[in-house]
Amino acid sequence: MTIEELIKQVGKPYEQLDSNGKALGCLLPIYLLYPHLPRFDWPDNLGEYMRDMFKKHLQKIELEDIKEGDLLLIRLPFGLVHPAVYIGNDEVIDCMVETSLQKSRLGIYSRIEGVFRCQM
């Protein structure tokens, strides 16, 4: 899937599990863009799982080097770590579990824990 195709998915409902019964949740935009990354089965500590998966399968980069398709780990105000895909123009796509893909401004996230690039 391309960034343009990912953007077209904003606002559309989605399934919680893929065809193999693996959870999608907040990692949905990342799995759509990078289907080769490993899936998970709702681990007890999703934040630690994401940190480990990102470090193992992605290249850490600096925020000032961000470009379309790069991935972010964001610390939300209530403490959870949340993933997002950078789509350019200071915008990201992320997914809140109970809704659908959404587009928002990168600038609203004040606590970025890491920025990563997927080597295809």
PDB file of N, CA and C in Angstrom:
ATOM      1  N   MET A   1       0.845  -1.173   0.000  1.00  0.00           N
ATOM      2  CA  MET A   1       0.000   0.000   0.000  1.00  0.00           C
ATOM      3  C   MET A   1       0.895   1.242   0.000  1.00  0.00           C
ATOM      4  N   THR A   2       0.458   2.260  -0.692  1.00  0.00           N
ATOM      5  CA  THR A   2       1.197   3.522  -0.740  1.00  0.00           C
ATOM      6  C   THR A   2       0.628   4.495   0.303  1.00  0.00           C
ATOM      7  N   ILE A   3       1.330   5.587   0.521  1.00  0.00           N
ATOM      8  CA  ILE A   3       0.837   6.636   1.417  1.00  0.00           C
ATOM      9  C   ILE A   3      -0.504   7.158   0.916  1.00  0.00           C
ATOM     10  N   GLU A   4      -0.626   7.373  -0.373  1.00  0.00           N
ATOM     11  CA  GLU A   4      -1.880   7.888  -0.952  1.00  0.00           C
ATOM     12  C   GLU A   4      -3.030   6.918  -0.691  1.00  0.00           C
ATOM     13  N   GLU A   5      -2.784   5.617  -0.832  1.00  0.00           N
ATOM     14  CA  GLU A   5      -3.825   4.618  -0.562  1.00  0.00           C
ATOM     15  C   GLU A   5      -4.174   4.575   0.925  1.00  0.00           C
ATOM     16  N   LEU A   6      -3.168   4.751   1.775  1.00  0.00           N
ATOM     17  CA  LEU A   6      -3.403   4.788   3.216  1.00  0.00           C
ATOM     18  C   LEU A   6      -4.291   5.974   3.579  1.00  0.00           C
ATOM     19  N   ILE A   7      -4.016   7.129   2.997  1.00  0.00           N
ATOM     20  CA  ILE A   7      -4.809   8.331   3.267  1.00  0.00           C
ATOM     21  C   ILE A   7      -6.268   8.099   2.883  1.00  0.00           C
ATOM     22  N   LYS A   8      -6.522   7.362   1.808  1.00  0.00           N
ATOM     23  CA  LYS A   8      -7.894   7.079   1.369  1.00  0.00           C
ATOM     24  C   LYS A   8      -8.652   6.206   2.367  1.00  0.00           C
ATOM     25  N   GLN A   9      -7.949   5.534   3.279  1.00  0.00           N
ATOM     26  CA  GLN A   9      -8.588   4.688   4.278  1.00  0.00           C
ATOM     27  C   GLN A   9      -9.051   5.471   5.512  1.00  0.00           C
ATOM     28  N   VAL A  10      -8.676   6.753   5.610  1.00  0.00           N
ATOM     29  CA  VAL A  10      -9.053   7.575   6.763  1.00  0.00           C
ATOM     30  C   VAL A  10     -10.578   7.639   6.857  1.00  0.00           C
ATOM     31  N   GLY A  11     -11.094   7.364   8.054  1.00  0.00           N
ATOM     32  CA  GLY A  11     -12.526   7.444   8.307  1.00  0.00           C
ATOM     33  C   GLY A  11     -13.312   6.182   8.013  1.00  0.00           C
ATOM     34  N   LYS A  12     -12.701   5.209   7.369  1.00  0.00           N
ATOM     35  CA  LYS A  12     -13.402   3.969   7.058  1.00  0.00           C
ATOM     36  C   LYS A  12     -13.315   3.008   8.247  1.00  0.00           C
ATOM     37  N   PRO A  13     -14.399   2.278   8.523  1.00  0.00           N
ATOM     38  CA  PRO A  13     -14.343   1.294   9.612  1.00  0.00           C
ATOM     39  C   PRO A  13     -13.374   0.169   9.270  1.00  0.00           C
ATOM     40  N   TYR A  14     -12.909  -0.529  10.285  1.00  0.00           N
ATOM     41  CA  TYR A  14     -11.965  -1.615  10.052  1.00  0.00           C
ATOM     42  C   TYR A  14     -12.268  -2.764  10.997  1.00  0.00           C
ATOM     43  N   GLU A  15     -11.712  -3.915  10.688  1.00  0.00           N
ATOM     44  CA  GLU A  15     -11.867  -5.094  11.529  1.00  0.00           C
ATOM     45  C   GLU A  15     -10.790  -5.089  12.609  1.00  0.00           C
ATOM     46  N   GLN A  16     -11.113  -5.610  13.789  1.00  0.00           N
ATOM     47  CA  GLN A  16     -10.152  -5.678  14.892  1.00  0.00           C
ATOM     48  C   GLN A  16      -9.083  -6.752  14.671  1.00  0.00           C
ATOM     49  N   LEU A  17      -9.425  -7.801  13.916  1.00  0.00           N
ATOM     50  CA  LEU A  17      -8.499  -8.896  13.668  1.00  0.00           C
ATOM     51  C   LEU A  17      -8.305  -9.084  12.171  1.00  0.00           C
ATOM     52  N   ASP A  18      -7.112  -9.547  11.782  1.00  0.00           N
ATOM     53  CA  ASP A  18      -6.887  -9.856  10.377  1.00  0.00           C
ATOM     54  C   ASP A  18      -7.458 -11.247  10.069  1.00  0.00           C
ATOM     55  N   SER A  19      -7.302 -11.713   8.846  1.00  0.00           N
ATOM     56  CA  SER A  19      -7.875 -12.995   8.431  1.00  0.00           C
ATOM     57  C   SER A  19      -7.263 -14.187   9.160  1.00  0.00           C
ATOM     58  N   ASN A  20      -6.115 -13.998   9.799  1.00  0.00           N
ATOM     59  CA  ASN A  20      -5.473 -15.064  10.574  1.00  0.00           C
ATOM     60  C   ASN A  20      -5.771 -14.968  12.066  1.00  0.00           C
ATOM     61  N   GLY A  21      -6.651 -14.043  12.454  1.00  0.00           N
ATOM     62  CA  GLY A  21      -7.004 -13.892  13.857  1.00  0.00           C
ATOM     63  C   GLY A  21      -6.019 -13.067  14.657  1.00  0.00           C
ATOM     64  N   LYS A  22      -5.074 -12.420  13.992  1.00  0.00           N
ATOM     65  CA  LYS A  22      -4.101 -11.573  14.690  1.00  0.00           C
ATOM     66  C   LYS A  22      -4.689 -10.170  14.872  1.00  0.00           C
ATOM     67  N   ALA A  23      -4.393  -9.550  16.002  1.00  0.00           N
ATOM     68  CA  ALA A  23      -4.919  -8.232  16.326  1.00  0.00           C
ATOM     69  C   ALA A  23      -4.348  -7.164  15.395  1.00  0.00           C
ATOM     70  N   LEU A  24      -5.175  -6.187  15.077  1.00  0.00           N
ATOM     71  CA  LEU A  24      -4.729  -5.038  14.282  1.00  0.00           C
ATOM     72  C   LEU A  24      -4.619  -3.813  15.175  1.00  0.00           C
ATOM     73  N   GLY A  25      -5.715  -3.385  15.771  1.00  0.00           N
ATOM     74  CA  GLY A  25      -5.720  -2.278  16.714  1.00  0.00           C
ATOM     75  C   GLY A  25      -4.985  -1.051  16.219  1.00  0.00           C
ATOM     76  N   CYS A  26      -4.260  -0.406  17.118  1.00  0.00           N
ATOM     77  CA  CYS A  26      -3.603   0.859  16.797  1.00  0.00           C
ATOM     78  C   CYS A  26      -2.449   0.701  15.806  1.00  0.00           C
ATOM     79  N   LEU A  27      -2.007  -0.534  15.563  1.00  0.00           N
ATOM     80  CA  LEU A  27      -0.940  -0.760  14.591  1.00  0.00           C
ATOM     81  C   LEU A  27      -1.473  -0.914  13.162  1.00  0.00           C
ATOM     82  N   LEU A  28      -2.784  -0.806  12.965  1.00  0.00           N
ATOM     83  CA  LEU A  28      -3.383  -0.985  11.649  1.00  0.00           C
ATOM     84  C   LEU A  28      -2.701  -0.162  10.551  1.00  0.00           C
ATOM     85  N   PRO A  29      -2.500   1.152  10.694  1.00  0.00           N
ATOM     86  CA  PRO A  29      -1.883   1.888   9.584  1.00  0.00           C
ATOM     87  C   PRO A  29      -0.470   1.400   9.264  1.00  0.00           C
ATOM     88  N   ILE A  30       0.241   0.933  10.276  1.00  0.00           N
ATOM     89  CA  ILE A  30       1.600   0.432  10.063  1.00  0.00           C
ATOM     90  C   ILE A  30       1.549  -0.889   9.306  1.00  0.00           C
ATOM     91  N   TYR A  31       0.618  -1.775   9.690  1.00  0.00           N
ATOM     92  CA  TYR A  31       0.484  -3.057   8.994  1.00  0.00           C
ATOM     93  C   TYR A  31      -0.007  -2.874   7.559  1.00  0.00           C
ATOM     94  N   LEU A  32      -0.863  -1.872   7.322  1.00  0.00           N
ATOM     95  CA  LEU A  32      -1.318  -1.618   5.952  1.00  0.00           C
ATOM     96  C   LEU A  32      -0.155  -1.160   5.075  1.00  0.00           C
ATOM     97  N   LEU A  33       0.686  -0.291   5.608  1.00  0.00           N
ATOM     98  CA  LEU A  33       1.807   0.250   4.856  1.00  0.00           C
ATOM     99  C   LEU A  33       2.971  -0.734   4.772  1.00  0.00           C
ATOM    100  N   TYR A  34       3.197  -1.488   5.839  1.00  0.00           N
ATOM    101  CA  TYR A  34       4.323  -2.429   5.913  1.00  0.00           C
ATOM    102  C   TYR A  34       3.825  -3.816   6.338  1.00  0.00           C
ATOM    103  N   PRO A  35       3.176  -4.542   5.435  1.00  0.00           N
ATOM    104  CA  PRO A  35       2.562  -5.830   5.806  1.00  0.00           C
ATOM    105  C   PRO A  35       3.563  -6.902   6.228  1.00  0.00           C
ATOM    106  N   HIS A  36       4.845  -6.719   5.952  1.00  0.00           N
ATOM    107  CA  HIS A  36       5.845  -7.733   6.319  1.00  0.00           C
ATOM    108  C   HIS A  36       6.255  -7.666   7.794  1.00  0.00           C
ATOM    109  N   LEU A  37       5.876  -6.607   8.517  1.00  0.00           N
ATOM    110  CA  LEU A  37       6.233  -6.515   9.926  1.00  0.00           C
ATOM    111  C   LEU A  37       5.439  -7.551  10.729  1.00  0.00           C
ATOM    112  N   PRO A  38       6.025  -8.082  11.822  1.00  0.00           N
ATOM    113  CA  PRO A  38       5.351  -9.136  12.594  1.00  0.00           C
ATOM    114  C   PRO A  38       4.068  -8.641  13.263  1.00  0.00           C
ATOM    115  N   ARG A  39       3.106  -9.540  13.386  1.00  0.00           N
ATOM    116  CA  ARG A  39       1.825  -9.259  14.059  1.00  0.00           C
ATOM    117  C   ARG A  39       1.908  -9.734  15.502  1.00  0.00           C
ATOM    118  N   PHE A  40       0.971  -9.303  16.312  1.00  0.00           N
ATOM    119  CA  PHE A  40       0.967  -9.664  17.719  1.00  0.00           C
ATOM    120  C   PHE A  40      -0.399 -10.196  18.123  1.00  0.00           C
ATOM    121  N   ASP A  41      -0.486 -10.785  19.294  1.00  0.00           N
ATOM    122  CA  ASP A  41      -1.730 -11.316  19.847  1.00  0.00           C
ATOM    123  C   ASP A  41      -2.090 -10.591  21.138  1.00  0.00           C
ATOM    124  N   TRP A  42      -2.247  -9.289  21.076  1.00  0.00           N
ATOM    125  CA  TRP A  42      -2.579  -8.460  22.226  1.00  0.00           C
ATOM    126  C   TRP A  42      -1.752  -8.836  23.457  1.00  0.00           C
ATOM    127  N   PRO A  43      -0.473  -8.530  23.418  1.00  0.00           N
ATOM    128  CA  PRO A  43       0.371  -8.833  24.585  1.00  0.00           C
ATOM    129  C   PRO A  43      -0.082  -8.028  25.799  1.00  0.00           C
ATOM    130  N   ASP A  44       0.322  -8.484  26.969  1.00  0.00           N
ATOM    131  CA  ASP A  44      -0.050  -7.783  28.199  1.00  0.00           C
ATOM    132  C   ASP A  44       0.476  -6.356  28.213  1.00  0.00           C
ATOM    133  N   ASN A  45       1.669  -6.143  27.689  1.00  0.00           N
ATOM    134  CA  ASN A  45       2.241  -4.806  27.681  1.00  0.00           C
ATOM    135  C   ASN A  45       2.508  -4.394  26.234  1.00  0.00           C
ATOM    136  N   LEU A  46       1.481  -3.847  25.597  1.00  0.00           N
ATOM    137  CA  LEU A  46       1.570  -3.477  24.186  1.00  0.00           C
ATOM    138  C   LEU A  46       2.660  -2.432  23.944  1.00  0.00           C
ATOM    139  N   GLY A  47       2.828  -1.490  24.877  1.00  0.00           N
ATOM    140  CA  GLY A  47       3.859  -0.461  24.719  1.00  0.00           C
ATOM    141  C   GLY A  47       5.246  -1.061  24.614  1.00  0.00           C
ATOM    142  N   GLU A  48       5.564  -1.999  25.492  1.00  0.00           N
ATOM    143  CA  GLU A  48       6.869  -2.662  25.439  1.00  0.00           C
ATOM    144  C   GLU A  48       7.013  -3.466  24.158  1.00  0.00           C
ATOM    145  N   TYR A  49       5.924  -4.138  23.738  1.00  0.00           N
ATOM    146  CA  TYR A  49       5.959  -4.901  22.496  1.00  0.00           C
ATOM    147  C   TYR A  49       6.307  -3.977  21.326  1.00  0.00           C
ATOM    148  N   MET A  50       5.623  -2.819  21.240  1.00  0.00           N
ATOM    149  CA  MET A  50       5.876  -1.897  20.130  1.00  0.00           C
ATOM    150  C   MET A  50       7.304  -1.373  20.167  1.00  0.00           C
ATOM    151  N   ARG A  51       7.783  -0.989  21.347  1.00  0.00           N
ATOM    152  CA  ARG A  51       9.159  -0.497  21.452  1.00  0.00           C
ATOM    153  C   ARG A  51      10.141  -1.561  20.955  1.00  0.00           C
ATOM    154  N   ASP A  52       9.962  -2.798  21.407  1.00  0.00           N
ATOM    155  CA  ASP A  52      10.857  -3.885  21.000  1.00  0.00           C
ATOM    156  C   ASP A  52      10.752  -4.174  19.511  1.00  0.00           C
ATOM    157  N   MET A  53       9.508  -4.244  18.985  1.00  0.00           N
ATOM    158  CA  MET A  53       9.309  -4.526  17.565  1.00  0.00           C
ATOM    159  C   MET A  53       9.920  -3.421  16.708  1.00  0.00           C
ATOM    160  N   PHE A  54       9.705  -2.172  17.083  1.00  0.00           N
ATOM    161  CA  PHE A  54      10.244  -1.054  16.318  1.00  0.00           C
ATOM    162  C   PHE A  54      11.774  -1.090  16.321  1.00  0.00           C
ATOM    163  N   LYS A  55      12.371  -1.328  17.500  1.00  0.00           N
ATOM    164  CA  LYS A  55      13.835  -1.355  17.592  1.00  0.00           C
ATOM    165  C   LYS A  55      14.437  -2.511  16.804  1.00  0.00           C
ATOM    166  N   LYS A  56      13.751  -3.640  16.782  1.00  0.00           N
ATOM    167  CA  LYS A  56      14.267  -4.824  16.104  1.00  0.00           C
ATOM    168  C   LYS A  56      14.118  -4.756  14.587  1.00  0.00           C
ATOM    169  N   HIS A  57      13.018  -4.187  14.094  1.00  0.00           N
ATOM    170  CA  HIS A  57      12.703  -4.253  12.671  1.00  0.00           C
ATOM    171  C   HIS A  57      12.811  -2.920  11.934  1.00  0.00           C
ATOM    172  N   LEU A  58      13.082  -1.851  12.658  1.00  0.00           N
ATOM    173  CA  LEU A  58      13.116  -0.525  12.038  1.00  0.00           C
ATOM    174  C   LEU A  58      14.399   0.203  12.404  1.00  0.00           C
ATOM    175  N   GLN A  59      14.739   1.194  11.600  1.00  0.00           N
ATOM    176  CA  GLN A  59      15.924   2.017  11.857  1.00  0.00           C
ATOM    177  C   GLN A  59      15.486   3.277  12.593  1.00  0.00           C
ATOM    178  N   LYS A  60      16.068   3.540  13.748  1.00  0.00           N
ATOM    179  CA  LYS A  60      15.756   4.756  14.497  1.00  0.00           C
ATOM    180  C   LYS A  60      16.388   5.950  13.788  1.00  0.00           C
ATOM    181  N   ILE A  61      15.615   7.026  13.651  1.00  0.00           N
ATOM    182  CA  ILE A  61      16.102   8.247  13.011  1.00  0.00           C
ATOM    183  C   ILE A  61      15.765   9.440  13.906  1.00  0.00           C
ATOM    184  N   GLU A  62      16.279  10.585  13.546  1.00  0.00           N
ATOM    185  CA  GLU A  62      15.993  11.818  14.276  1.00  0.00           C
ATOM    186  C   GLU A  62      14.719  12.456  13.714  1.00  0.00           C
ATOM    187  N   LEU A  63      13.958  13.115  14.576  1.00  0.00           N
ATOM    188  CA  LEU A  63      12.712  13.749  14.169  1.00  0.00           C
ATOM    189  C   LEU A  63      12.927  14.727  13.018  1.00  0.00           C
ATOM    190  N   GLU A  64      14.041  15.445  13.022  1.00  0.00           N
ATOM    191  CA  GLU A  64      14.279  16.428  11.949  1.00  0.00           C
ATOM    192  C   GLU A  64      14.529  15.758  10.593  1.00  0.00           C
ATOM    193  N   ASP A  65      14.776  14.449  10.579  1.00  0.00           N
ATOM    194  CA  ASP A  65      14.996  13.710   9.327  1.00  0.00           C
ATOM    195  C   ASP A  65      13.746  12.985   8.838  1.00  0.00           C
ATOM    196  N   ILE A  66      12.606  13.233   9.474  1.00  0.00           N
ATOM    197  CA  ILE A  66      11.382  12.507   9.150  1.00  0.00           C
ATOM    198  C   ILE A  66      10.923  12.760   7.716  1.00  0.00           C
ATOM    199  N   LYS A  67      10.387  11.697   7.092  1.00  0.00           N
ATOM    200  CA  LYS A  67       9.814  11.826   5.755  1.00  0.00           C
ATOM    201  C   LYS A  67       8.608  10.897   5.654  1.00  0.00           C
ATOM    202  N   GLU A  68       7.849  11.031   4.575  1.00  0.00           N
ATOM    203  CA  GLU A  68       6.652  10.217   4.363  1.00  0.00           C
ATOM    204  C   GLU A  68       6.950   8.744   4.587  1.00  0.00           C
ATOM    205  N   GLY A  69       6.058   8.080   5.313  1.00  0.00           N
ATOM    206  CA  GLY A  69       6.207   6.659   5.566  1.00  0.00           C
ATOM    207  C   GLY A  69       6.958   6.318   6.831  1.00  0.00           C
ATOM    208  N   ASP A  70       7.598   7.293   7.465  1.00  0.00           N
ATOM    209  CA  ASP A  70       8.291   7.019   8.722  1.00  0.00           C
ATOM    210  C   ASP A  70       7.268   6.825   9.840  1.00  0.00           C
ATOM    211  N   LEU A  71       7.683   6.096  10.856  1.00  0.00           N
ATOM    212  CA  LEU A  71       6.785   5.724  11.944  1.00  0.00           C
ATOM    213  C   LEU A  71       7.197   6.408  13.234  1.00  0.00           C
ATOM    214  N   LEU A  72       6.206   6.750  14.035  1.00  0.00           N
ATOM    215  CA  LEU A  72       6.459   7.417  15.304  1.00  0.00           C
ATOM    216  C   LEU A  72       5.863   6.613  16.444  1.00  0.00           C
ATOM    217  N   LEU A  73       6.531   6.647  17.576  1.00  0.00           N
ATOM    218  CA  LEU A  73       5.961   6.178  18.830  1.00  0.00           C
ATOM    219  C   LEU A  73       5.710   7.425  19.659  1.00  0.00           C
ATOM    220  N   ILE A  74       4.460   7.621  20.032  1.00  0.00           N
ATOM    221  CA  ILE A  74       4.029   8.827  20.725  1.00  0.00           C
ATOM    222  C   ILE A  74       3.547   8.447  22.120  1.00  0.00           C
ATOM    223  N   ARG A  75       3.957   9.200  23.117  1.00  0.00           N
ATOM    224  CA  ARG A  75       3.478   8.995  24.488  1.00  0.00           C
ATOM    225  C   ARG A  75       2.218   9.843  24.642  1.00  0.00           C
ATOM    226  N   LEU A  76       1.074   9.192  24.854  1.00  0.00           N
ATOM    227  CA  LEU A  76      -0.192   9.900  25.014  1.00  0.00           C
ATOM    228  C   LEU A  76      -0.292  10.485  26.427  1.00  0.00           C
ATOM    229  N   PRO A  77      -1.160  11.500  26.615  1.00  0.00           N
ATOM    230  CA  PRO A  77      -1.265  12.151  27.926  1.00  0.00           C
ATOM    231  C   PRO A  77      -1.558  11.194  29.078  1.00  0.00           C
ATOM    232  N   PHE A  78      -2.286  10.119  28.823  1.00  0.00           N
ATOM    233  CA  PHE A  78      -2.619   9.183  29.902  1.00  0.00           C
ATOM    234  C   PHE A  78      -1.597   8.068  30.040  1.00  0.00           C
ATOM    235  N   GLY A  79      -0.423   8.218  29.381  1.00  0.00           N
ATOM    236  CA  GLY A  79       0.706   7.340  29.629  1.00  0.00           C
ATOM    237  C   GLY A  79       0.977   6.239  28.630  1.00  0.00           C
ATOM    238  N   LEU A  80       0.010   5.884  27.795  1.00  0.00           N
ATOM    239  CA  LEU A  80       0.237   4.813  26.829  1.00  0.00           C
ATOM    240  C   LEU A  80       1.122   5.263  25.680  1.00  0.00           C
ATOM    241  N   VAL A  81       1.811   4.302  25.067  1.00  0.00           N
ATOM    242  CA  VAL A  81       2.597   4.560  23.868  1.00  0.00           C
ATOM    243  C   VAL A  81       1.714   4.231  22.674  1.00  0.00           C
ATOM    244  N   HIS A  82       1.704   5.104  21.683  1.00  0.00           N
ATOM    245  CA  HIS A  82       0.797   4.972  20.544  1.00  0.00           C
ATOM    246  C   HIS A  82       1.583   5.166  19.247  1.00  0.00           C
ATOM    247  N   PRO A  83       1.365   4.307  18.228  1.00  0.00           N
ATOM    248  CA  PRO A  83       2.082   4.445  16.968  1.00  0.00           C
ATOM    249  C   PRO A  83       1.333   5.326  15.963  1.00  0.00           C
ATOM    250  N   ALA A  84       2.079   5.933  15.058  1.00  0.00           N
ATOM    251  CA  ALA A  84       1.498   6.745  13.981  1.00  0.00           C
ATOM    252  C   ALA A  84       2.416   6.667  12.769  1.00  0.00           C
ATOM    253  N   VAL A  85       1.845   6.937  11.593  1.00  0.00           N
ATOM    254  CA  VAL A  85       2.592   6.976  10.334  1.00  0.00           C
ATOM    255  C   VAL A  85       2.648   8.426   9.869  1.00  0.00           C
ATOM    256  N   TYR A  86       3.844   8.910   9.578  1.00  0.00           N
ATOM    257  CA  TYR A  86       3.996  10.277   9.060  1.00  0.00           C
ATOM    258  C   TYR A  86       3.642  10.275   7.577  1.00  0.00           C
ATOM    259  N   ILE A  87       2.750  11.197   7.159  1.00  0.00           N
ATOM    260  CA  ILE A  87       2.329  11.240   5.755  1.00  0.00           C
ATOM    261  C   ILE A  87       2.760  12.527   5.048  1.00  0.00           C
ATOM    262  N   GLY A  88       3.606  13.321   5.697  1.00  0.00           N
ATOM    263  CA  GLY A  88       4.091  14.565   5.090  1.00  0.00           C
ATOM    264  C   GLY A  88       3.268  15.759   5.548  1.00  0.00           C
ATOM    265  N   ASN A  89       3.741  16.944   5.232  1.00  0.00           N
ATOM    266  CA  ASN A  89       3.050  18.200   5.559  1.00  0.00           C
ATOM    267  C   ASN A  89       2.657  18.301   7.030  1.00  0.00           C
ATOM    268  N   ASP A  90       3.517  17.831   7.935  1.00  0.00           N
ATOM    269  CA  ASP A  90       3.277  17.877   9.378  1.00  0.00           C
ATOM    270  C   ASP A  90       2.016  17.115   9.778  1.00  0.00           C
ATOM    271  N   GLU A  91       1.678  16.032   9.039  1.00  0.00           N
ATOM    272  CA  GLU A  91       0.494  15.240   9.346  1.00  0.00           C
ATOM    273  C   GLU A  91       0.857  13.774   9.572  1.00  0.00           C
ATOM    274  N   VAL A  92       0.064  13.123  10.427  1.00  0.00           N
ATOM    275  CA  VAL A  92       0.219  11.702  10.688  1.00  0.00           C
ATOM    276  C   VAL A  92      -1.137  11.016  10.544  1.00  0.00           C
ATOM    277  N   ILE A  93      -1.075   9.705  10.327  1.00  0.00           N
ATOM    278  CA  ILE A  93      -2.267   8.864  10.387  1.00  0.00           C
ATOM    279  C   ILE A  93      -2.044   7.893  11.525  1.00  0.00           C
ATOM    280  N   ASP A  94      -3.066   7.775  12.375  1.00  0.00           N
ATOM    281  CA  ASP A  94      -3.017   6.801  13.444  1.00  0.00           C
ATOM    282  C   ASP A  94      -4.391   6.173  13.570  1.00  0.00           C
ATOM    283  N   CYS A  95      -4.542   5.277  14.516  1.00  0.00           N
ATOM    284  CA  CYS A  95      -5.794   4.549  14.668  1.00  0.00           C
ATOM    285  C   CYS A  95      -6.084   4.349  16.141  1.00  0.00           C
ATOM    286  N   MET A  96      -7.193   4.891  16.578  1.00  0.00           N
ATOM    287  CA  MET A  96      -7.674   4.611  17.919  1.00  0.00           C
ATOM    288  C   MET A  96      -8.518   3.348  17.813  1.00  0.00           C
ATOM    289  N   VAL A  97      -8.328   2.405  18.694  1.00  0.00           N
ATOM    290  CA  VAL A  97      -8.910   1.067  18.579  1.00  0.00           C
ATOM    291  C   VAL A  97     -10.410   1.078  18.309  1.00  0.00           C
ATOM    292  N   GLU A  98     -11.154   1.962  18.951  1.00  0.00           N
ATOM    293  CA  GLU A  98     -12.608   1.904  18.828  1.00  0.00           C
ATOM    294  C   GLU A  98     -13.167   2.655  17.628  1.00  0.00           C
ATOM    295  N   THR A  99     -12.333   3.275  16.819  1.00  0.00           N
ATOM    296  CA  THR A  99     -12.851   4.060  15.694  1.00  0.00           C
ATOM    297  C   THR A  99     -12.248   3.589  14.384  1.00  0.00           C
ATOM    298  N   SER A 100     -11.649   4.490  13.671  1.00  0.00           N
ATOM    299  CA  SER A 100     -11.066   4.185  12.367  1.00  0.00           C
ATOM    300  C   SER A 100      -9.761   4.954  12.226  1.00  0.00           C
ATOM    301  N   LEU A 101      -9.139   4.829  11.056  1.00  0.00           N
ATOM    302  CA  LEU A 101      -7.935   5.616  10.805  1.00  0.00           C
ATOM    303  C   LEU A 101      -8.309   7.086  10.850  1.00  0.00           C
ATOM    304  N   GLN A 102      -7.409   7.887  11.404  1.00  0.00           N
ATOM    305  CA  GLN A 102      -7.644   9.324  11.478  1.00  0.00           C
ATOM    306  C   GLN A 102      -6.370  10.058  11.088  1.00  0.00           C
ATOM    307  N   LYS A 103      -6.561  11.244  10.581  1.00  0.00           N
ATOM    308  CA  LYS A 103      -5.431  12.090  10.197  1.00  0.00           C
ATOM    309  C   LYS A 103      -5.379  13.250  11.182  1.00  0.00           C
ATOM    310  N   SER A 104      -4.176  13.585  11.640  1.00  0.00           N
ATOM    311  CA  SER A 104      -4.028  14.706  12.558  1.00  0.00           C
ATOM    312  C   SER A 104      -2.675  15.381  12.343  1.00  0.00           C
ATOM    313  N   ARG A 105      -2.508  16.527  12.967  1.00  0.00           N
ATOM    314  CA  ARG A 105      -1.265  17.283  12.870  1.00  0.00           C
ATOM    315  C   ARG A 105      -0.226  16.666  13.799  1.00  0.00           C
ATOM    316  N   LEU A 106       0.979  16.506  13.315  1.00  0.00           N
ATOM    317  CA  LEU A 106       2.064  15.991  14.134  1.00  0.00           C
ATOM    318  C   LEU A 106       2.302  16.894  15.337  1.00  0.00           C
ATOM    319  N   GLY A 107       2.133  18.192  15.157  1.00  0.00           N
ATOM    320  CA  GLY A 107       2.402  19.164  16.206  1.00  0.00           C
ATOM    321  C   GLY A 107       1.560  19.016  17.457  1.00  0.00           C
ATOM    322  N   ILE A 108       0.431  18.282  17.397  1.00  0.00           N
ATOM    323  CA  ILE A 108      -0.390  18.134  18.599  1.00  0.00           C
ATOM    324  C   ILE A 108       0.227  17.146  19.585  1.00  0.00           C
ATOM    325  N   TYR A 109       1.198  16.363  19.119  1.00  0.00           N
ATOM    326  CA  TYR A 109       1.845  15.371  19.982  1.00  0.00           C
ATOM    327  C   TYR A 109       3.128  15.961  20.549  1.00  0.00           C
ATOM    328  N   SER A 110       3.113  16.239  21.829  1.00  0.00           N
ATOM    329  CA  SER A 110       4.269  16.902  22.439  1.00  0.00           C
ATOM    330  C   SER A 110       5.314  15.911  22.943  1.00  0.00           C
ATOM    331  N   ARG A 111       4.955  14.645  23.077  1.00  0.00           N
ATOM    332  CA  ARG A 111       5.883  13.672  23.660  1.00  0.00           C
ATOM    333  C   ARG A 111       6.154  12.551  22.656  1.00  0.00           C
ATOM    334  N   ILE A 112       7.029  12.793  21.721  1.00  0.00           N
ATOM    335  CA  ILE A 112       7.400  11.771  20.747  1.00  0.00           C
ATOM    336  C   ILE A 112       8.538  10.951  21.334  1.00  0.00           C
ATOM    337  N   GLU A 113       8.299   9.672  21.471  1.00  0.00           N
ATOM    338  CA  GLU A 113       9.271   8.787  22.110  1.00  0.00           C
ATOM    339  C   GLU A 113      10.325   8.281  21.130  1.00  0.00           C
ATOM    340  N   GLY A 114       9.966   8.217  19.852  1.00  0.00           N
ATOM    341  CA  GLY A 114      10.929   7.753  18.857  1.00  0.00           C
ATOM    342  C   GLY A 114      10.384   7.875  17.449  1.00  0.00           C
ATOM    343  N   VAL A 115      11.294   8.021  16.496  1.00  0.00           N
ATOM    344  CA  VAL A 115      10.949   8.090  15.077  1.00  0.00           C
ATOM    345  C   VAL A 115      11.750   7.004  14.381  1.00  0.00           C
ATOM    346  N   PHE A 116      11.079   6.249  13.519  1.00  0.00           N
ATOM    347  CA  PHE A 116      11.694   5.071  12.908  1.00  0.00           C
ATOM    348  C   PHE A 116      11.423   5.013  11.417  1.00  0.00           C
ATOM    349  N   ARG A 117      12.343   4.394  10.704  1.00  0.00           N
ATOM    350  CA  ARG A 117      12.201   4.209   9.254  1.00  0.00           C
ATOM    351  C   ARG A 117      12.225   2.720   8.964  1.00  0.00           C
ATOM    352  N   CYS A 118      11.287   2.290   8.127  1.00  0.00           N
ATOM    353  CA  CYS A 118      11.215   0.880   7.746  1.00  0.00           C
ATOM    354  C   CYS A 118      12.054   0.672   6.493  1.00  0.00           C
ATOM    355  N   GLN A 119      13.009  -0.248   6.579  1.00  0.00           N
ATOM    356  CA  GLN A 119      13.829  -0.602   5.421  1.00  0.00           C
ATOM    357  C   GLN A 119      13.103  -1.713   4.687  1.00  0.00           C
ATOM    358  N   MET A 120      12.531  -1.403   3.564  1.00  0.00           N
ATOM    359  CA  MET A 120      11.685  -2.367   2.833  1.00  0.00           C
ATOM    360  C   MET A 120      12.466  -3.555   2.427  1.00  0.00           C
TER     361      MET A 120
END
